[in-house]
N, C-alpha and C. Protein backbone atom coordinates (compact mmCIF):
# COMPACT_ATOMS: atom_id res chain seq x y z
N MET A 1 1.22 -1.36 0.15
CA MET A 1 -0.19 0.09 0.08
C MET A 1 0.98 1.55 -0.24
N THR A 2 0.72 1.76 1.27
CA THR A 2 1.75 3.06 1.09
C THR A 2 1.96 3.55 2.65
N VAL A 3 3.01 4.14 2.07
CA VAL A 3 4.29 4.60 3.74
C VAL A 3 3.40 6.24 3.61
N ARG A 4 2.83 5.92 5.09
CA ARG A 4 1.96 7.57 4.96
C ARG A 4 2.88 8.57 5.67
N PRO A 5 2.82 9.89 5.37
CA PRO A 5 3.52 10.85 6.38
C PRO A 5 3.37 11.34 7.78
N ILE A 6 4.03 11.48 8.61
CA ILE A 6 3.46 11.50 9.88
C ILE A 6 3.16 12.98 10.37
N ARG A 7 1.63 12.96 11.24
CA ARG A 7 1.60 14.31 11.45
C ARG A 7 2.53 14.39 12.40
N LEU A 8 2.76 15.57 12.64
CA LEU A 8 3.92 16.47 13.62
C LEU A 8 2.90 17.20 14.90
N PHE A 9 3.34 16.93 16.43
CA PHE A 9 3.06 17.88 17.18
C PHE A 9 2.42 18.89 16.69
N GLY A 10 1.21 19.42 17.15
CA GLY A 10 0.56 20.44 17.00
C GLY A 10 -0.41 20.42 16.28
N ASP A 11 -0.38 19.21 15.27
CA ASP A 11 -1.70 18.76 13.95
C ASP A 11 -3.07 18.30 15.36
N PRO A 12 -3.75 19.21 15.06
CA PRO A 12 -5.02 18.01 15.76
C PRO A 12 -5.78 16.85 16.36
N VAL A 13 -5.31 16.50 15.16
CA VAL A 13 -5.60 14.83 14.78
C VAL A 13 -4.84 13.84 15.86
N LEU A 14 -3.48 14.83 16.40
CA LEU A 14 -3.11 13.78 17.77
C LEU A 14 -3.62 14.62 19.09
N ARG A 15 -4.33 15.40 19.41
CA ARG A 15 -4.81 15.73 20.20
C ARG A 15 -6.41 15.09 20.74
N SER A 16 -6.85 14.43 19.69
CA SER A 16 -8.34 14.08 19.93
C SER A 16 -8.27 12.59 20.18
N PRO A 17 -9.05 11.93 21.10
CA PRO A 17 -8.46 10.87 21.05
C PRO A 17 -9.85 10.34 20.18
N ALA A 18 -8.97 8.90 20.14
CA ALA A 18 -9.27 7.57 18.71
C ALA A 18 -10.14 6.78 18.91
N ASP A 19 -11.25 6.79 17.92
CA ASP A 19 -12.35 6.32 18.39
C ASP A 19 -12.37 4.86 18.32
N PRO A 20 -12.96 4.07 18.82
CA PRO A 20 -12.86 2.67 18.62
C PRO A 20 -13.18 2.18 17.13
N ILE A 21 -12.66 1.14 16.77
CA ILE A 21 -13.47 0.54 15.14
C ILE A 21 -14.04 0.11 15.46
N ARG A 22 -15.85 0.27 15.03
CA ARG A 22 -16.83 -0.62 15.27
C ARG A 22 -16.65 -2.44 14.68
N PRO A 23 -17.12 -3.67 16.06
CA PRO A 23 -17.03 -4.74 15.42
C PRO A 23 -17.52 -5.18 13.91
N ASP A 24 -18.37 -4.25 13.13
CA ASP A 24 -18.75 -5.06 11.90
C ASP A 24 -17.86 -4.09 10.81
N ALA A 25 -16.89 -3.36 11.46
CA ALA A 25 -16.05 -2.59 10.26
C ALA A 25 -14.85 -3.58 10.22
N VAL A 26 -14.25 -3.91 11.36
CA VAL A 26 -13.18 -4.78 11.54
C VAL A 26 -12.72 -5.27 10.43
N GLY A 27 -13.18 -5.89 9.74
CA GLY A 27 -12.77 -6.66 8.58
C GLY A 27 -12.65 -6.11 7.40
N SER A 28 -13.21 -5.12 7.34
CA SER A 28 -13.63 -4.11 5.93
C SER A 28 -12.55 -4.37 5.51
N GLN A 29 -12.49 -3.90 4.00
CA GLN A 29 -11.35 -2.89 3.75
C GLN A 29 -10.58 -2.06 3.58
N GLY A 30 -11.23 -1.11 3.91
CA GLY A 30 -10.93 0.25 4.68
C GLY A 30 -9.99 -0.14 5.49
N ILE A 31 -10.30 -1.05 6.79
CA ILE A 31 -9.34 -1.31 8.12
C ILE A 31 -8.20 -1.99 7.38
N ARG A 32 -8.33 -2.91 6.26
CA ARG A 32 -7.26 -3.47 6.55
C ARG A 32 -6.45 -2.71 5.48
N ASP A 33 -6.63 -1.92 4.27
CA ASP A 33 -5.93 -0.77 3.75
C ASP A 33 -5.43 -0.20 5.24
N LEU A 34 -5.65 0.49 6.24
CA LEU A 34 -4.96 1.40 7.19
C LEU A 34 -4.20 0.67 7.98
N VAL A 35 -4.14 -1.31 7.86
CA VAL A 35 -3.12 -1.68 8.73
C VAL A 35 -2.30 -1.87 7.72
N GLN A 36 -2.23 -2.26 6.58
CA GLN A 36 -1.29 -2.24 5.29
C GLN A 36 -0.49 -0.94 5.64
N ASP A 37 -0.96 -0.14 5.55
CA ASP A 37 -0.61 1.38 5.73
C ASP A 37 0.24 1.61 6.88
N LEU A 38 -0.49 1.43 7.84
CA LEU A 38 0.69 1.27 9.30
C LEU A 38 1.81 0.53 9.37
N ILE A 39 1.60 -0.90 8.59
CA ILE A 39 2.63 -1.67 8.39
C ILE A 39 3.82 -1.29 7.45
N ASP A 40 3.23 -0.47 6.39
CA ASP A 40 4.54 0.15 5.47
C ASP A 40 5.08 1.23 5.80
N THR A 41 4.60 2.19 7.04
CA THR A 41 4.77 3.14 7.81
C THR A 41 5.73 3.00 8.56
N VAL A 42 5.38 1.23 9.69
CA VAL A 42 6.47 1.54 10.72
C VAL A 42 7.20 0.96 10.28
N LYS A 43 7.63 0.25 8.64
CA LYS A 43 8.59 -0.29 8.31
C LYS A 43 9.98 0.45 8.44
N GLU A 44 9.93 1.63 7.84
CA GLU A 44 10.86 2.84 7.69
C GLU A 44 11.99 3.20 8.53
N PRO A 45 13.35 2.94 8.39
CA PRO A 45 14.38 3.11 9.48
C PRO A 45 13.99 3.73 10.64
N GLY A 46 14.31 2.92 11.67
CA GLY A 46 14.09 3.91 13.29
C GLY A 46 12.89 4.11 13.92
N ARG A 47 11.73 3.43 13.25
CA ARG A 47 10.73 3.39 13.75
C ARG A 47 10.34 1.99 14.47
N ALA A 48 9.52 2.11 15.46
CA ALA A 48 9.22 1.46 16.41
C ALA A 48 8.10 0.96 17.28
N GLY A 49 7.29 1.77 16.26
CA GLY A 49 5.27 1.96 16.27
C GLY A 49 5.29 3.10 15.58
N VAL A 50 3.73 3.00 15.07
CA VAL A 50 3.10 4.31 14.54
C VAL A 50 1.20 4.15 14.87
N ALA A 51 1.03 5.06 15.52
CA ALA A 51 -0.49 4.86 15.85
C ALA A 51 -0.99 5.62 14.54
N ALA A 52 -2.63 5.19 14.45
CA ALA A 52 -3.44 5.85 13.26
C ALA A 52 -3.38 7.36 13.56
N PRO A 53 -3.77 7.94 14.51
CA PRO A 53 -3.64 8.99 14.18
C PRO A 53 -2.24 10.18 13.85
N GLN A 54 -1.12 9.37 13.93
CA GLN A 54 0.05 9.96 13.73
C GLN A 54 0.30 10.07 12.03
N ILE A 55 -1.17 9.36 11.22
CA ILE A 55 -0.69 8.91 9.91
C ILE A 55 -2.20 10.23 9.19
N GLY A 56 -2.69 10.15 10.52
CA GLY A 56 -4.36 11.43 9.80
C GLY A 56 -5.51 10.12 10.14
N VAL A 57 -5.51 9.33 10.78
CA VAL A 57 -6.49 8.45 11.14
C VAL A 57 -6.76 7.93 12.23
N GLY A 58 -8.26 8.74 12.92
CA GLY A 58 -8.23 9.24 13.74
C GLY A 58 -9.32 7.67 14.63
N VAL A 59 -8.44 6.48 14.67
CA VAL A 59 -9.11 5.56 15.27
C VAL A 59 -8.31 4.71 15.81
N ARG A 60 -8.60 3.65 16.77
CA ARG A 60 -7.61 3.08 17.65
C ARG A 60 -7.07 1.93 16.47
N ALA A 61 -5.67 2.38 16.27
CA ALA A 61 -5.19 0.91 15.69
C ALA A 61 -3.63 1.89 15.98
N PHE A 62 -2.89 0.32 15.84
CA PHE A 62 -1.19 0.86 15.78
C PHE A 62 -0.29 -0.22 15.14
N SER A 63 0.57 0.04 14.69
CA SER A 63 1.29 -0.59 14.06
C SER A 63 2.74 -0.81 14.91
N TYR A 64 3.50 -2.16 14.75
CA TYR A 64 4.82 -1.87 15.89
C TYR A 64 6.04 -2.80 14.64
N ASN A 65 7.33 -2.29 14.78
CA ASN A 65 8.70 -2.53 15.12
C ASN A 65 9.18 -3.18 15.77
N VAL A 66 9.44 -3.84 16.43
CA VAL A 66 10.17 -3.79 17.55
C VAL A 66 11.28 -5.42 17.47
N ASP A 67 12.66 -5.19 17.54
CA ASP A 67 13.57 -6.58 17.59
C ASP A 67 12.99 -7.27 16.37
N GLY A 68 12.55 -6.77 15.22
CA GLY A 68 12.69 -7.32 13.88
C GLY A 68 11.10 -8.41 13.65
N GLU A 69 10.21 -7.88 14.56
CA GLU A 69 8.94 -8.31 14.97
C GLU A 69 8.09 -6.77 14.42
N VAL A 70 7.09 -7.17 13.10
CA VAL A 70 5.83 -6.27 12.84
C VAL A 70 4.63 -6.85 12.82
N GLY A 71 3.77 -6.20 13.61
CA GLY A 71 2.48 -6.42 13.52
C GLY A 71 1.70 -5.12 13.55
N TYR A 72 0.59 -5.04 14.29
CA TYR A 72 -0.54 -4.09 14.55
C TYR A 72 -1.35 -5.19 15.09
N VAL A 73 -2.23 -3.99 15.84
CA VAL A 73 -3.32 -4.47 16.46
C VAL A 73 -4.69 -3.36 16.81
N LEU A 74 -6.02 -3.57 16.28
CA LEU A 74 -7.10 -3.18 16.41
C LEU A 74 -7.99 -2.80 17.84
N ASN A 75 -8.13 -1.76 17.92
CA ASN A 75 -9.10 -1.51 19.57
C ASN A 75 -8.31 -2.25 20.65
N PRO A 76 -6.64 -1.52 20.78
CA PRO A 76 -5.97 -1.80 22.05
C PRO A 76 -6.43 -1.45 22.80
N GLU A 77 -6.05 -2.14 24.09
CA GLU A 77 -6.35 -1.11 25.74
C GLU A 77 -5.18 -2.11 26.11
N ILE A 78 -4.69 -1.03 27.30
CA ILE A 78 -3.94 -1.61 28.13
C ILE A 78 -4.36 -2.19 29.33
N VAL A 79 -3.69 -3.90 29.29
CA VAL A 79 -4.57 -4.88 30.33
C VAL A 79 -3.80 -4.51 31.76
N GLU A 80 -2.09 -4.57 31.52
CA GLU A 80 -1.45 -4.85 32.49
C GLU A 80 -0.18 -4.02 32.35
N VAL A 81 0.25 -3.08 33.61
CA VAL A 81 1.92 -3.06 33.43
C VAL A 81 2.19 -3.32 34.78
N GLY A 82 3.32 -3.61 34.66
CA GLY A 82 4.24 -3.77 36.04
C GLY A 82 5.68 -3.27 36.38
N GLY A 83 5.95 -3.59 37.10
CA GLY A 83 7.48 -3.50 37.52
C GLY A 83 7.55 -1.86 37.95
N GLU A 84 8.37 -1.10 38.87
CA GLU A 84 8.85 -0.51 38.70
C GLU A 84 9.43 0.90 38.20
N PRO A 85 8.01 1.95 38.06
CA PRO A 85 8.14 3.06 36.06
C PRO A 85 9.77 3.31 36.01
N GLU A 86 10.00 3.65 35.02
CA GLU A 86 11.62 4.24 35.23
C GLU A 86 12.01 5.09 34.13
N LEU A 87 12.91 6.08 33.97
CA LEU A 87 13.12 6.80 33.25
C LEU A 87 13.82 5.95 31.96
N MET A 88 13.00 6.39 30.75
CA MET A 88 13.87 5.81 29.41
C MET A 88 13.76 6.87 28.72
N ASP A 89 15.00 7.50 27.82
CA ASP A 89 14.86 8.25 26.90
C ASP A 89 13.94 7.57 25.62
N GLU A 90 12.70 8.39 25.48
CA GLU A 90 11.86 8.25 24.93
C GLU A 90 11.95 9.43 23.40
N GLY A 91 11.50 9.28 22.53
CA GLY A 91 11.26 9.91 21.02
C GLY A 91 10.17 9.35 20.31
N CYS A 92 9.84 10.11 19.55
CA CYS A 92 8.30 10.59 19.28
C CYS A 92 8.54 10.54 17.35
N LEU A 93 7.57 10.10 16.21
CA LEU A 93 7.76 10.26 15.14
C LEU A 93 7.09 11.88 14.55
N SER A 94 6.30 12.06 15.41
CA SER A 94 5.78 13.40 15.77
C SER A 94 5.92 14.33 16.47
N VAL A 95 7.82 14.42 16.78
CA VAL A 95 8.18 15.40 17.74
C VAL A 95 9.58 14.85 17.03
N PRO A 96 9.76 14.82 15.60
CA PRO A 96 11.07 14.58 15.43
C PRO A 96 12.68 14.89 15.93
N GLY A 97 13.57 14.66 16.09
CA GLY A 97 14.65 14.64 16.28
C GLY A 97 15.05 14.98 17.67
N LEU A 98 14.12 15.20 18.77
CA LEU A 98 13.96 15.21 20.51
C LEU A 98 13.94 13.79 20.92
N SER A 99 14.55 14.09 22.06
CA SER A 99 13.85 12.62 22.92
C SER A 99 14.54 13.29 24.02
N TYR A 100 13.27 12.71 25.10
CA TYR A 100 13.46 13.34 26.44
C TYR A 100 12.94 12.08 27.42
N PRO A 101 13.87 11.64 28.70
CA PRO A 101 13.45 10.45 29.73
C PRO A 101 11.91 10.90 30.05
N THR A 102 11.60 9.72 29.92
CA THR A 102 9.94 9.41 30.34
C THR A 102 10.02 8.33 31.01
N ARG A 103 8.75 8.28 32.04
CA ARG A 103 8.90 7.65 32.78
C ARG A 103 7.87 6.55 32.35
N ARG A 104 8.20 5.07 32.11
CA ARG A 104 7.46 3.99 31.94
C ARG A 104 7.48 2.59 32.71
N SER A 105 6.48 1.83 32.37
CA SER A 105 6.42 0.69 33.49
C SER A 105 7.67 0.07 32.25
N PRO A 106 8.41 -1.10 32.88
CA PRO A 106 9.24 -2.07 32.30
C PRO A 106 8.24 -3.51 31.26
N TYR A 107 7.57 -3.42 31.86
CA TYR A 107 6.32 -4.50 31.39
C TYR A 107 5.00 -3.85 30.90
N ALA A 108 4.45 -4.29 30.05
CA ALA A 108 2.86 -3.89 29.61
C ALA A 108 2.35 -5.02 28.60
N LYS A 109 1.55 -5.13 28.67
CA LYS A 109 0.38 -5.88 28.04
C LYS A 109 -0.77 -5.09 27.72
N VAL A 110 -1.00 -5.63 26.37
CA VAL A 110 -1.54 -4.84 25.58
C VAL A 110 -2.78 -6.21 24.56
N ARG A 111 -4.36 -5.74 24.54
CA ARG A 111 -5.07 -6.87 24.25
C ARG A 111 -6.35 -6.12 23.16
N GLY A 112 -6.72 -6.89 22.59
CA GLY A 112 -7.37 -5.76 20.98
C GLY A 112 -7.53 -6.73 20.46
N VAL A 113 -7.81 -6.72 19.05
CA VAL A 113 -8.09 -7.66 17.83
C VAL A 113 -7.41 -7.65 16.70
N ASP A 114 -7.65 -8.61 16.04
CA ASP A 114 -6.90 -8.64 14.44
C ASP A 114 -7.81 -7.73 13.23
N VAL A 115 -7.64 -8.12 11.95
CA VAL A 115 -8.53 -7.59 11.12
C VAL A 115 -9.73 -8.58 10.77
N ASP A 116 -9.08 -9.93 10.90
CA ASP A 116 -10.43 -10.52 11.15
C ASP A 116 -11.36 -11.04 12.43
N GLY A 117 -11.18 -10.31 13.54
CA GLY A 117 -11.78 -9.80 15.24
C GLY A 117 -11.39 -10.85 15.95
N ALA A 118 -10.10 -11.64 15.61
CA ALA A 118 -9.36 -12.64 16.72
C ALA A 118 -9.15 -11.52 17.48
N GLU A 119 -9.30 -12.52 19.07
CA GLU A 119 -8.14 -11.78 19.75
C GLU A 119 -6.38 -11.65 19.60
N VAL A 120 -6.16 -10.33 20.10
CA VAL A 120 -4.73 -10.38 19.93
C VAL A 120 -4.18 -9.91 21.34
N VAL A 121 -2.88 -10.45 22.16
CA VAL A 121 -2.67 -9.85 22.90
C VAL A 121 -1.13 -9.69 22.67
N LEU A 122 -0.51 -8.52 23.28
CA LEU A 122 0.69 -7.97 22.98
C LEU A 122 1.07 -7.92 24.15
N GLU A 123 2.36 -8.37 24.53
CA GLU A 123 3.44 -8.13 25.86
C GLU A 123 4.61 -8.35 25.74
N GLY A 124 5.46 -7.34 26.67
CA GLY A 124 7.28 -7.46 26.63
C GLY A 124 7.52 -6.46 27.57
N THR A 125 8.91 -6.42 27.19
CA THR A 125 9.59 -5.20 28.26
C THR A 125 10.22 -4.63 27.29
N GLY A 126 11.22 -3.61 27.93
CA GLY A 126 12.01 -2.74 27.52
C GLY A 126 11.42 -1.76 26.84
N LEU A 127 12.02 -1.95 25.48
CA LEU A 127 11.14 -1.20 24.45
C LEU A 127 9.87 -1.64 23.68
N MET A 128 9.62 -2.89 24.06
CA MET A 128 8.15 -3.64 23.33
C MET A 128 7.19 -2.59 24.81
N ALA A 129 7.61 -2.56 25.45
CA ALA A 129 6.78 -2.22 26.72
C ALA A 129 6.35 -0.93 26.35
N GLU A 130 7.66 -0.24 26.01
CA GLU A 130 7.53 1.53 25.96
C GLU A 130 6.76 1.77 25.15
N ALA A 131 6.68 0.66 23.83
CA ALA A 131 6.64 0.83 22.30
C ALA A 131 4.38 0.94 22.06
N LEU A 132 4.26 -0.16 23.42
CA LEU A 132 2.91 -0.37 23.92
C LEU A 132 2.13 0.67 24.36
N GLN A 133 2.88 1.14 25.47
CA GLN A 133 2.19 2.37 26.66
C GLN A 133 2.26 3.40 25.43
N HIS A 134 3.29 4.19 24.77
CA HIS A 134 3.73 5.16 24.34
C HIS A 134 2.50 5.32 22.84
N GLU A 135 2.17 4.14 22.16
CA GLU A 135 1.50 4.28 21.04
C GLU A 135 -0.15 3.89 21.72
N VAL A 136 -0.79 3.25 22.74
CA VAL A 136 -2.31 3.34 23.19
C VAL A 136 -2.28 5.21 23.91
N ASP A 137 -0.88 5.62 24.44
CA ASP A 137 -0.89 7.49 24.52
C ASP A 137 -1.29 8.15 23.69
N HIS A 138 -0.84 7.47 22.37
CA HIS A 138 -1.12 8.20 21.39
C HIS A 138 -2.85 8.23 20.88
N LEU A 139 -3.30 7.14 21.30
CA LEU A 139 -5.02 6.72 20.82
C LEU A 139 -5.83 7.18 21.71
N ASP A 140 -4.75 7.35 23.06
CA ASP A 140 -6.44 8.66 24.13
C ASP A 140 -5.60 9.86 23.87
N ARG A 141 -4.81 10.51 22.74
CA ARG A 141 -4.70 11.77 22.71
C ARG A 141 -3.45 12.57 23.68
N THR A 142 -2.75 11.72 23.82
CA THR A 142 -1.76 12.00 24.85
C THR A 142 -0.27 11.82 23.71
N VAL A 143 0.49 12.89 23.53
CA VAL A 143 2.02 13.06 23.03
C VAL A 143 2.32 12.95 24.37
N TYR A 144 3.49 11.88 24.62
CA TYR A 144 4.78 11.92 25.37
C TYR A 144 5.02 13.08 25.61
N VAL A 145 5.53 14.20 25.43
CA VAL A 145 5.39 15.35 25.91
C VAL A 145 4.61 16.25 27.03
N MET A 146 3.17 15.55 27.11
CA MET A 146 2.67 15.84 28.11
C MET A 146 2.69 15.18 29.27
N THR A 147 3.68 14.45 29.06
CA THR A 147 3.55 13.56 30.46
C THR A 147 5.11 13.40 30.96
N LEU A 148 5.59 13.94 30.47
CA LEU A 148 6.80 14.91 31.39
C LEU A 148 6.78 15.50 32.22
N ASP A 149 7.97 15.36 33.68
CA ASP A 149 7.83 16.26 34.49
C ASP A 149 7.69 17.67 34.17
N PRO A 150 6.99 18.78 35.02
CA PRO A 150 6.42 20.18 34.19
C PRO A 150 7.87 20.95 34.22
N ASP A 151 9.25 20.89 34.60
CA ASP A 151 10.06 21.54 34.56
C ASP A 151 11.03 20.86 32.94
N VAL A 152 10.99 19.68 33.08
CA VAL A 152 11.25 19.17 31.36
C VAL A 152 10.62 19.29 29.92
N ARG A 153 9.24 19.17 30.54
CA ARG A 153 8.01 19.71 29.44
C ARG A 153 8.22 20.84 28.96
N ARG A 154 8.52 22.14 30.13
CA ARG A 154 8.92 23.69 29.19
C ARG A 154 10.15 23.62 28.61
N ARG A 155 11.13 22.61 28.51
CA ARG A 155 12.23 22.51 28.14
C ARG A 155 11.48 22.02 26.79
N LEU A 156 11.46 20.88 26.81
CA LEU A 156 11.06 20.54 25.95
C LEU A 156 10.11 21.02 24.64
N LEU A 157 9.06 21.77 24.93
CA LEU A 157 8.32 22.85 24.99
C LEU A 157 8.93 23.68 23.83
N ARG A 158 10.02 24.68 24.60
CA ARG A 158 10.88 25.61 24.20
C ARG A 158 11.93 24.93 22.65
N ASP A 159 12.47 23.47 22.97
CA ASP A 159 12.79 22.84 21.79
C ASP A 159 12.15 22.98 20.97
N ILE A 160 10.58 22.56 20.75
CA ILE A 160 10.30 21.80 19.86
C ILE A 160 9.86 24.05 19.27
N ARG A 161 9.56 24.33 19.70
CA ARG A 161 9.39 26.08 19.30
C ARG A 161 10.22 26.30 18.13
N ALA A 162 11.44 25.66 18.60
CA ALA A 162 12.80 26.25 17.85
C ALA A 162 12.74 25.22 16.79
N GLN A 163 12.11 24.12 16.70
CA GLN A 163 12.80 23.11 15.37
C GLN A 163 11.68 23.70 14.50
N GLU A 164 12.60 23.41 12.88
CA GLU A 164 12.05 23.92 11.83
C GLU A 164 11.09 23.58 11.43
N TRP A 165 10.64 22.09 11.99
CA TRP A 165 9.23 21.82 11.42
C TRP A 165 8.21 22.70 11.68
N PHE A 166 8.44 22.94 13.09
CA PHE A 166 7.23 23.57 14.15
C PHE A 166 6.99 24.77 13.21
N PRO A 167 5.27 25.03 13.14
CA PRO A 167 4.97 26.39 11.93
C PRO A 167 4.94 27.64 13.32
């Protein structure tokens, strides 16, 4: 299908909660095409995850590319996180060129469905845990910038305003 352009911080689609995909739409050609676009887009070098809002589609879906494993999940919900949250150096395709320490649980588990409506359970530690939490945050209208400690967030927002890509 298509590698889609990534929407950047400040785009309204990133600030809107993503709508669940209706059960009757899960297997539709439109959703299958969206999944293929998400997979094609996440396969670009340096990408661990892409949420549908990052490509301009306000539905609950994301793709991931972690440790050579590429996949997707529709209507994901975090069902479990574990371990003492720790600071991880985190970046975001919607905030290119910048990364900041972000508090994430070292384990995460997500449940959703695939394009045929079958249950999908994704879980992992390290980068996978970070990606699962990061992408579900996007679907809940949260860009990681907004989760940072206030002093760090102010610094990052200043850095964002100085970026060439920021309007």
